[in-house]
Amino acid sequence: MNYSGRREAVLEKMEEGSIAILYSGAEVHVSADSYAHFECNRNFFYLTGLRREEMALVLDKAVTPAKATLFIEEADPAMERWYGRKVTVEEAKEITGIADVLMISSLESTIDRMMTREDVTCVYFDTYRHAMSDLPDYNLVKAGEFAAKYPGTPVKNLFPLVAALRMWKDEDEIEATRAAIGLTKDALEYVMENLTPGMYEYQAQADFEYHIMRNGADGPGFPTIAGSGINGTMLHYDTNREICADGSLLLLDLGARLNGYNADITRTYPVNGKYSERQRAVYEIVLAANKKVAAEAKPGMTLGQLNDICKGVLAKGLMDLGLIEEEAQVSKYYMHGVSHHLGIDVHDVSVAANKELAPGAIITDEPGLYIDEWEIGIRIEDDLLITEDGAVVLSQDILRDPDDIEAFMTKKVKK
C-alpha cells in the first residue's frame, strides 16, 4: 500500500501553515477488567497501515518541507508478557514509510513546541460524528481538549480531506477487496454444503465465520445477518436465533474482512435446496434488478440514478405479480438504496451522498424485495468496481443464478 502517497495527497489538501493530528484510538472499558474489542480509527489505518491503539500521526505543513511524524507506544517487557508485544520503531518505519517515529509519551510536548515555534494557522482533527446521540469518539475528544488549551487556533475537520481520497481505490486496495470477496465466496459454499432444514440461523452464521477465520480473515466485516423466513424481511436482522424451516429461505448478508478491507455480499438460499414457484418468481425479479444495475453502472452516474434504475425493474416485477398497481408503490416492498461505497468501512466514506462515480470506486449492488405477507425476503448483493467505461462485478464467481444454487445444493445432498 502506498501510505506515503496518501499522506502527501492529504498534505496537499491541507491549508498552508496547518498541522493535522490523527489518533489511532484507545481501548474502551466495558466492566471490571474487560475492554471492548479495539477498532482502529479507519483514517489512521488508511494513512499508516497500522491498527494498534495508543498511536498518533502528525502531519506538519507549517514547516518546509512538510513532514510526517508517527508516535507509538514504548515497549514494556512486563506488560508485553501479559498482553503481547508492541510494534517496534523499526517495524513502524517499515510499514508506514515514516522516518520520524517517536514515543507517544512525547506527543503533547511536541505539539506544545510546534504551537510555540511554528506559525500554525489551524489544526486538523478527525471530528467526524455519525449521530448527535453517539458518544464522541477518541479523536473528537482530543479535538475538544486541544480547542480548550489553544482557543485562538481554529480547529478544522480532517475527515472530508481523507474521505475524498478513500472514495477511489488504488490497485492494492482493489486486490485486497478481491481477496476478501474470495474468502467470502468459499465460506458461502461451505454454508450451502451444510445448510439443512431444522438447523438454527446462528449455525449458518457460525459456519460462515468459522470458515473465514480458519482461512485467515481478520473476522467478519460486520455482524452477520442470517434471517430465515419472515426474518429475511428485516433489513438489519442479526439476532440469528430462529430455526431455518423446511420450505423457507435463508437471507445471508455478510462479508469477510481481510487485512483491513471488506467484502459485502448477500445471497438468499432455499433451506431445503429448492426454491418454490413463488420464491423463484420473486428471486428472478431481484436478480434482474441486480444484473441491470451492474450493466448500467459507469463513471458519471450517481448512486441515486442507479437506485432509480433498480426501482424501475423491481416495480415492473411487482406489478406483474399483482402486488402493486403503479411504480410509486414499490417502496412498500423495497425501502433501501441499491448501493453504497465499500472499502475499509463496509459503508465506506464519501464526501457527498450522491457524488458522480469515477473509475476506482468500489460500490455495492443490492436490490431486494421484502414481502411480509408471503414471508419472503430476498436480497442479492454484489460488489462492483467502476472502470473507465462501465463496471466489473468483483463477486461474479459467487453463485447467484437460482439454477446454479439449486444444482450446487442438490449435489451436496447426494454426497
Protein backbone atom coordinates (compact mmCIF):
# COMPACT_ATOMS: atom_id res chain seq x y z
CA MET A 1 0.00 0.00 0.00
CA ASN A 2 1.25 3.48 -0.86
CA TYR A 3 0.80 5.12 2.55
CA SER A 4 3.38 7.81 1.79
CA GLY A 5 1.47 8.85 -1.33
CA ARG A 6 -1.77 9.07 0.62
CA ARG A 7 -0.19 11.30 3.26
CA GLU A 8 1.24 13.53 0.56
CA ALA A 9 -2.21 13.84 -1.00
CA VAL A 10 -3.72 14.86 2.34
CA LEU A 11 -0.93 17.39 2.94
CA GLU A 12 -1.66 18.85 -0.50
CA LYS A 13 -5.28 19.44 0.54
CA MET A 14 -4.40 21.00 3.91
CA GLU A 15 -4.13 24.77 4.34
CA GLU A 16 -0.71 26.37 4.23
CA GLY A 17 0.72 26.65 7.73
CA SER A 18 -1.59 23.97 9.16
CA ILE A 19 -0.94 20.77 11.05
CA ALA A 20 -3.05 17.63 11.39
CA ILE A 21 -3.20 15.37 14.45
CA LEU A 22 -4.78 11.95 13.99
CA TYR A 23 -5.09 9.36 16.75
CA SER A 24 -5.47 5.60 16.26
CA GLY A 25 -7.72 5.47 19.33
CA ALA A 26 -7.81 3.87 22.76
CA GLU A 27 -9.40 0.73 24.19
CA VAL A 28 -12.93 1.24 25.52
CA HIS A 29 -13.54 -0.03 29.06
CA VAL A 30 -16.63 -2.22 29.46
CA SER A 31 -16.69 -3.58 33.01
CA ALA A 32 -14.26 -4.69 35.72
CA ASP A 33 -11.09 -5.58 33.78
CA SER A 34 -12.91 -6.13 30.47
CA TYR A 35 -12.40 -3.97 27.39
CA ALA A 36 -14.28 -3.94 24.09
CA HIS A 37 -12.54 -5.28 21.02
CA PHE A 38 -10.34 -2.44 19.77
CA GLU A 39 -11.18 -0.88 16.40
CA CYS A 40 -8.59 1.50 15.00
CA ASN A 41 -9.62 4.83 13.52
CA ARG A 42 -10.04 3.96 9.85
CA ASN A 43 -8.39 7.14 8.58
CA PHE A 44 -5.35 6.47 10.75
CA PHE A 45 -5.11 2.99 9.23
CA TYR A 46 -5.58 4.39 5.73
CA LEU A 47 -2.63 6.77 6.18
CA THR A 48 -0.27 4.46 8.10
CA GLY A 49 -1.19 0.77 7.67
CA LEU A 50 -1.16 0.38 11.48
CA ARG A 51 -4.16 -0.78 13.53
CA ARG A 52 -2.96 -0.66 17.14
CA GLU A 53 -4.18 1.54 19.97
CA GLU A 54 -2.32 4.49 21.54
CA MET A 55 -0.69 5.82 18.39
CA ALA A 56 -0.82 9.18 16.65
CA LEU A 57 0.13 10.66 13.29
CA VAL A 58 1.12 14.31 12.95
CA LEU A 59 1.26 15.95 9.51
CA ASP A 60 3.08 19.28 9.64
CA LYS A 61 2.56 21.78 6.82
CA ALA A 62 3.78 24.69 8.94
CA VAL A 63 7.38 23.79 8.07
CA THR A 64 9.20 23.44 4.75
CA PRO A 65 9.29 20.79 3.54
CA ALA A 66 6.15 19.40 5.10
CA LYS A 67 6.71 16.25 7.14
CA ALA A 68 5.02 13.36 8.89
CA THR A 69 5.81 12.11 12.39
CA LEU A 70 4.47 8.93 13.94
CA PHE A 71 4.06 8.39 17.68
CA ILE A 72 3.83 4.85 19.10
CA GLU A 73 3.78 3.17 22.49
CA GLU A 74 7.11 2.33 24.05
CA ALA A 75 7.64 -1.39 24.52
CA ASP A 76 7.29 -2.52 28.14
CA PRO A 77 8.55 -6.12 28.60
CA ALA A 78 6.47 -6.63 31.74
CA MET A 79 3.22 -5.56 30.03
CA GLU A 80 4.08 -7.43 26.84
CA ARG A 81 4.19 -10.67 28.83
CA TRP A 82 0.53 -10.09 29.70
CA TYR A 83 -0.84 -8.54 26.51
CA GLY A 84 1.57 -9.37 23.67
CA ARG A 85 4.32 -7.40 22.03
CA LYS A 86 4.01 -3.88 20.65
CA VAL A 87 5.15 -2.73 17.25
CA THR A 88 8.79 -1.64 17.31
CA VAL A 89 10.19 1.59 15.94
CA GLU A 90 11.85 -0.23 13.05
CA GLU A 91 8.68 -2.18 12.23
CA ALA A 92 6.64 1.04 12.30
CA LYS A 93 9.09 2.72 9.92
CA GLU A 94 8.97 -0.21 7.52
CA ILE A 95 5.17 -0.48 7.47
CA THR A 96 4.37 3.23 7.25
CA GLY A 97 7.34 4.64 5.35
CA ILE A 98 7.67 7.33 8.03
CA ALA A 99 11.26 8.09 9.04
CA ASP A 100 10.45 10.07 12.20
CA VAL A 101 9.00 7.72 14.81
CA LEU A 102 8.77 8.89 18.43
CA MET A 103 7.13 7.65 21.61
CA ILE A 104 3.51 8.61 22.30
CA SER A 105 4.61 9.97 25.68
CA SER A 106 6.32 12.84 23.84
CA LEU A 107 3.29 13.84 21.75
CA GLU A 108 1.99 16.63 23.98
CA SER A 109 5.39 18.28 24.34
CA THR A 110 5.87 18.01 20.59
CA ILE A 111 2.54 19.73 19.94
CA ASP A 112 3.41 22.45 22.50
CA ARG A 113 6.71 23.07 20.73
CA MET A 114 5.03 23.27 17.33
CA MET A 115 2.42 25.71 18.57
CA THR A 116 5.11 27.89 20.18
CA ARG A 117 7.77 27.84 17.47
CA GLU A 118 5.82 27.42 14.24
CA ASP A 119 3.34 29.83 12.68
CA VAL A 120 0.39 27.42 12.83
CA THR A 121 -2.71 28.75 11.08
CA CYS A 122 -5.09 25.93 12.02
CA VAL A 123 -5.09 22.36 13.30
CA TYR A 124 -6.97 19.47 11.70
CA PHE A 125 -8.56 16.68 13.73
CA ASP A 126 -10.86 13.88 12.63
CA THR A 127 -14.07 15.34 14.06
CA TYR A 128 -16.49 13.02 12.24
CA ARG A 129 -19.67 12.31 14.17
CA HIS A 130 -22.21 9.79 12.92
CA ALA A 131 -25.13 11.00 15.05
CA MET A 132 -25.70 13.56 17.78
CA SER A 133 -26.82 10.78 20.11
CA ASP A 134 -23.48 8.95 19.78
CA LEU A 135 -20.77 9.27 22.38
CA PRO A 136 -17.84 11.28 20.96
CA ASP A 137 -15.02 9.09 19.70
CA TYR A 138 -11.42 9.45 20.80
CA ASN A 139 -10.36 11.90 18.09
CA LEU A 140 -13.32 14.16 18.76
CA VAL A 141 -12.49 14.20 22.48
CA LYS A 142 -8.89 15.11 21.69
CA ALA A 143 -10.04 17.90 19.36
CA GLY A 144 -12.10 19.34 22.21
CA GLU A 145 -9.15 19.16 24.58
CA PHE A 146 -6.92 20.97 22.09
CA ALA A 147 -9.53 23.68 21.44
CA ALA A 148 -9.78 24.34 25.19
CA LYS A 149 -5.99 24.66 25.52
CA TYR A 150 -5.48 26.74 22.35
CA PRO A 151 -8.75 28.68 21.92
CA GLY A 152 -7.17 31.11 19.48
CA THR A 153 -6.24 28.45 16.92
CA PRO A 154 -9.02 27.28 14.57
CA VAL A 155 -9.80 23.56 14.60
CA LYS A 156 -10.83 22.09 11.26
CA ASN A 157 -12.17 18.69 10.22
CA LEU A 158 -9.66 16.34 8.61
CA PHE A 159 -12.33 13.76 7.76
CA PRO A 160 -13.54 15.15 4.40
CA LEU A 161 -9.96 15.56 3.14
CA VAL A 162 -9.28 11.85 3.69
CA ALA A 163 -12.76 10.73 2.63
CA ALA A 164 -12.27 12.36 -0.77
CA LEU A 165 -9.27 10.07 -1.33
CA ARG A 166 -10.86 6.93 0.09
CA MET A 167 -13.75 7.05 -2.42
CA TRP A 168 -11.41 5.91 -5.22
CA LYS A 169 -9.36 2.75 -4.69
CA ASP A 170 -5.85 2.08 -5.98
CA GLU A 171 -4.71 -1.28 -7.34
CA ASP A 172 -3.57 -2.53 -3.93
CA GLU A 173 -6.96 -1.75 -2.42
CA ILE A 174 -8.78 -3.42 -5.30
CA GLU A 175 -6.72 -6.58 -4.87
CA ALA A 176 -7.31 -6.52 -1.10
CA THR A 177 -11.06 -6.31 -1.73
CA ARG A 178 -10.88 -9.15 -4.27
CA ALA A 179 -9.15 -11.30 -1.66
CA ALA A 180 -11.84 -10.57 0.94
CA ILE A 181 -14.51 -11.44 -1.63
CA GLY A 182 -12.70 -14.68 -2.43
CA LEU A 183 -12.77 -15.72 1.22
CA THR A 184 -16.46 -14.85 1.36
CA LYS A 185 -17.18 -16.96 -1.73
CA ASP A 186 -15.53 -20.07 -0.29
CA ALA A 187 -17.27 -19.60 3.06
CA LEU A 188 -20.69 -19.24 1.42
CA GLU A 189 -20.17 -22.50 -0.41
CA TYR A 190 -19.31 -24.09 2.94
CA VAL A 191 -22.58 -22.71 4.32
CA MET A 192 -24.55 -24.16 1.40
CA GLU A 193 -22.88 -27.53 1.87
CA ASN A 194 -24.11 -27.66 5.47
CA LEU A 195 -27.49 -25.91 5.20
CA THR A 196 -30.39 -28.21 6.10
CA PRO A 197 -33.95 -27.73 7.40
CA GLY A 198 -34.12 -27.65 11.18
CA MET A 199 -30.75 -26.01 11.80
CA TYR A 200 -30.60 -22.65 13.53
CA GLU A 201 -29.76 -19.38 11.85
CA TYR A 202 -26.79 -19.00 14.18
CA GLN A 203 -25.40 -22.29 12.92
CA ALA A 204 -25.27 -20.92 9.38
CA GLN A 205 -23.61 -17.81 10.81
CA ALA A 206 -21.11 -20.00 12.68
CA ASP A 207 -20.30 -21.99 9.54
CA PHE A 208 -19.52 -18.78 7.64
CA GLU A 209 -17.46 -17.19 10.38
CA TYR A 210 -15.58 -20.40 11.14
CA HIS A 211 -14.57 -20.78 7.51
CA ILE A 212 -13.33 -17.22 7.00
CA MET A 213 -11.41 -17.23 10.29
CA ARG A 214 -9.95 -20.66 9.56
CA ASN A 215 -8.63 -19.23 6.31
CA GLY A 216 -7.03 -16.05 7.55
CA ALA A 217 -9.69 -13.36 7.78
CA ASP A 218 -9.44 -10.58 10.36
CA GLY A 219 -13.04 -11.53 11.12
CA PRO A 220 -16.45 -10.64 9.71
CA GLY A 221 -16.62 -7.14 8.30
CA PHE A 222 -19.90 -6.52 10.15
CA PRO A 223 -22.39 -8.53 12.24
CA THR A 224 -23.55 -11.43 10.09
CA ILE A 225 -27.20 -11.29 9.06
CA ALA A 226 -28.80 -14.74 8.80
CA GLY A 227 -32.54 -14.27 8.51
CA SER A 228 -34.82 -17.18 7.63
CA GLY A 229 -38.49 -16.91 6.68
CA ILE A 230 -40.07 -13.67 7.93
CA ASN A 231 -36.74 -12.67 9.49
CA GLY A 232 -35.37 -12.19 5.98
CA THR A 233 -37.70 -9.22 5.55
CA MET A 234 -35.89 -7.33 8.35
CA LEU A 235 -33.06 -5.38 6.76
CA HIS A 236 -30.51 -5.48 9.58
CA TYR A 237 -31.74 -8.53 11.47
CA ASP A 238 -28.79 -10.11 13.27
CA THR A 239 -30.40 -11.91 16.21
CA ASN A 240 -29.97 -15.20 14.31
CA ARG A 241 -31.71 -17.41 16.89
CA GLU A 242 -34.60 -18.96 14.90
CA ILE A 243 -34.88 -22.35 13.22
CA CYS A 244 -34.48 -22.49 9.42
CA ALA A 245 -37.72 -24.22 8.49
CA ASP A 246 -38.19 -26.61 5.59
CA GLY A 247 -39.50 -24.64 2.61
CA SER A 248 -38.23 -21.29 3.87
CA LEU A 249 -35.49 -19.04 2.51
CA LEU A 250 -32.33 -18.01 4.34
CA LEU A 251 -31.07 -14.49 3.58
CA LEU A 252 -27.36 -14.13 4.36
CA ASP A 253 -25.83 -10.63 4.34
CA LEU A 254 -22.19 -10.96 5.30
CA GLY A 255 -18.59 -10.44 4.32
CA ALA A 256 -15.04 -11.25 5.33
CA ARG A 257 -12.59 -8.57 6.42
CA LEU A 258 -9.04 -9.30 5.29
CA ASN A 259 -6.07 -7.05 6.02
CA GLY A 260 -8.47 -4.23 6.84
CA TYR A 261 -10.59 -4.44 3.66
CA ASN A 262 -14.13 -5.78 3.42
CA ALA A 263 -16.44 -7.79 1.24
CA ASP A 264 -20.18 -7.14 1.44
CA ILE A 265 -22.26 -9.90 -0.14
CA THR A 266 -25.87 -11.02 0.17
CA ARG A 267 -27.25 -14.30 -1.06
CA THR A 268 -30.67 -15.86 -0.43
CA TYR A 269 -30.78 -19.66 -0.38
CA PRO A 270 -33.65 -22.17 -0.20
CA VAL A 271 -33.15 -24.03 3.08
CA ASN A 272 -34.16 -27.36 1.53
CA GLY A 273 -32.21 -26.74 -1.67
CA LYS A 274 -35.20 -25.95 -3.92
CA TYR A 275 -36.97 -22.62 -4.49
CA SER A 276 -40.76 -22.77 -4.50
CA GLU A 277 -42.55 -21.36 -7.55
CA ARG A 278 -43.44 -18.17 -5.66
CA GLN A 279 -39.96 -17.79 -4.16
CA ARG A 280 -38.34 -18.22 -7.56
CA ALA A 281 -40.68 -15.65 -9.14
CA VAL A 282 -39.63 -13.03 -6.59
CA TYR A 283 -35.99 -14.11 -6.81
CA GLU A 284 -35.93 -13.65 -10.59
CA ILE A 285 -37.19 -10.06 -10.22
CA VAL A 286 -34.46 -9.20 -7.73
CA LEU A 287 -31.82 -10.90 -9.86
CA ALA A 288 -32.95 -8.94 -12.93
CA ALA A 289 -32.55 -5.69 -10.97
CA ASN A 290 -29.12 -6.78 -9.75
CA LYS A 291 -27.96 -7.50 -13.30
CA LYS A 292 -29.46 -4.28 -14.68
CA VAL A 293 -27.63 -2.14 -12.13
CA ALA A 294 -24.33 -3.89 -12.88
CA ALA A 295 -24.85 -3.38 -16.61
CA GLU A 296 -25.71 0.31 -16.28
CA ALA A 297 -23.14 1.38 -13.67
CA LYS A 298 -20.38 3.57 -15.13
CA PRO A 299 -18.40 6.76 -14.49
CA GLY A 300 -20.52 9.90 -14.30
CA MET A 301 -23.53 8.17 -12.79
CA THR A 302 -24.70 8.68 -9.22
CA LEU A 303 -25.94 6.16 -6.68
CA GLY A 304 -29.33 7.87 -6.87
CA GLN A 305 -29.54 7.21 -10.60
CA LEU A 306 -28.62 3.55 -10.06
CA ASN A 307 -31.34 3.30 -7.43
CA ASP A 308 -33.91 4.70 -9.86
CA ILE A 309 -32.89 2.02 -12.39
CA CYS A 310 -33.26 -0.63 -9.70
CA LYS A 311 -36.68 0.61 -8.62
CA GLY A 312 -37.92 0.54 -12.20
CA VAL A 313 -37.08 -3.16 -12.59
CA LEU A 314 -38.48 -4.10 -9.18
CA ALA A 315 -41.69 -2.12 -9.73
CA LYS A 316 -42.39 -3.79 -13.06
CA GLY A 317 -41.87 -7.20 -11.50
CA LEU A 318 -44.16 -6.40 -8.59
CA MET A 319 -46.86 -5.16 -10.96
CA ASP A 320 -46.55 -8.38 -12.98
CA LEU A 321 -47.10 -10.31 -9.73
CA GLY A 322 -50.13 -8.17 -8.92
CA LEU A 323 -48.66 -6.86 -5.70
CA ILE A 324 -48.70 -3.18 -6.70
CA GLU A 325 -50.59 -1.15 -9.29
CA GLU A 326 -48.08 1.62 -10.06
CA GLU A 327 -44.33 2.22 -9.78
CA ALA A 328 -44.68 4.70 -6.91
CA GLN A 329 -45.88 1.86 -4.67
CA VAL A 330 -42.56 -0.02 -4.95
CA SER A 331 -41.46 1.40 -1.58
CA LYS A 332 -43.92 -0.93 0.15
CA TYR A 333 -41.61 -3.85 -0.71
CA TYR A 334 -38.27 -2.11 -1.36
CA MET A 335 -37.26 0.51 1.17
CA HIS A 336 -33.48 0.99 0.97
CA GLY A 337 -30.93 2.21 -1.56
CA VAL A 338 -29.27 -0.10 -4.06
CA SER A 339 -25.70 0.93 -3.41
CA HIS A 340 -23.04 2.36 -1.11
CA HIS A 341 -19.28 2.69 -1.32
CA LEU A 342 -17.20 -0.21 0.03
CA GLY A 343 -13.66 -0.27 1.41
CA ILE A 344 -12.03 -0.01 4.81
CA ASP A 345 -15.51 0.65 6.16
CA VAL A 346 -18.28 -1.58 4.87
CA HIS A 347 -20.42 1.51 4.33
CA ASP A 348 -17.36 3.38 3.17
CA VAL A 349 -16.96 7.12 3.46
CA SER A 350 -17.90 9.66 0.80
CA VAL A 351 -17.75 13.44 0.67
CA ALA A 352 -21.24 13.68 -0.81
CA ALA A 353 -24.10 11.22 -0.72
CA ASN A 354 -24.70 11.41 -4.46
CA LYS A 355 -21.36 12.37 -5.97
CA GLU A 356 -20.77 11.17 -9.52
CA LEU A 357 -18.89 7.90 -9.75
CA ALA A 358 -15.39 7.74 -11.19
CA PRO A 359 -13.03 4.89 -12.12
CA GLY A 360 -11.68 3.22 -8.99
CA ALA A 361 -14.87 3.39 -6.96
CA ILE A 362 -16.00 0.12 -5.39
CA ILE A 363 -19.72 0.06 -4.70
CA THR A 364 -22.36 -2.49 -3.79
CA ASP A 365 -25.27 -3.62 -5.96
CA GLU A 366 -28.00 -4.86 -3.62
CA PRO A 367 -31.63 -4.82 -4.76
CA GLY A 368 -34.13 -6.60 -2.58
CA LEU A 369 -37.82 -7.34 -2.10
CA TYR A 370 -39.40 -7.90 1.31
CA ILE A 371 -42.90 -9.34 1.19
CA ASP A 372 -44.17 -9.82 4.71
CA GLU A 373 -47.47 -11.46 3.71
CA TRP A 374 -45.56 -14.21 1.89
CA GLU A 375 -42.75 -14.39 4.47
CA ILE A 376 -40.30 -13.86 1.63
CA GLY A 377 -37.26 -11.63 1.96
CA ILE A 378 -34.80 -11.74 -0.93
CA ARG A 379 -31.70 -9.61 -1.43
CA ILE A 380 -28.89 -10.25 -3.89
CA GLU A 381 -25.79 -8.15 -3.28
CA ASP A 382 -22.60 -7.99 -5.31
CA ASP A 383 -19.56 -5.72 -5.21
CA LEU A 384 -18.79 -3.65 -8.31
CA LEU A 385 -15.59 -1.91 -9.43
CA ILE A 386 -16.23 1.16 -11.58
CA THR A 387 -13.90 1.14 -14.59
CA GLU A 388 -13.20 3.62 -17.38
CA ASP A 389 -16.27 2.59 -19.37
CA GLY A 390 -18.51 0.55 -17.08
CA ALA A 391 -18.29 -1.77 -14.11
CA VAL A 392 -16.76 -5.15 -13.24
CA VAL A 393 -18.60 -7.48 -10.86
CA LEU A 394 -15.84 -8.42 -8.42
CA SER A 395 -18.08 -11.08 -6.87
CA GLN A 396 -19.11 -12.64 -10.19
CA ASP A 397 -17.92 -16.09 -9.09
CA ILE A 398 -20.24 -16.24 -6.07
CA LEU A 399 -23.24 -18.30 -7.22
CA ARG A 400 -26.40 -16.24 -7.62
CA ASP A 401 -28.32 -17.83 -10.50
CA PRO A 402 -31.12 -19.89 -8.92
CA ASP A 403 -30.45 -22.91 -11.17
CA ASP A 404 -26.77 -22.88 -10.17
CA ILE A 405 -27.64 -22.58 -6.49
CA GLU A 406 -30.11 -25.47 -6.67
CA ALA A 407 -27.62 -27.60 -8.60
CA PHE A 408 -24.91 -26.94 -6.01
CA MET A 409 -27.21 -27.78 -3.12
CA THR A 410 -28.57 -30.91 -4.84
CA LYS A 411 -25.01 -32.11 -5.42
CA LYS A 412 -24.35 -31.52 -1.74
CA VAL A 413 -27.32 -33.69 -0.75
CA LYS A 414 -26.03 -36.59 -2.88
CA LYS A 415 -22.60 -36.66 -1.18
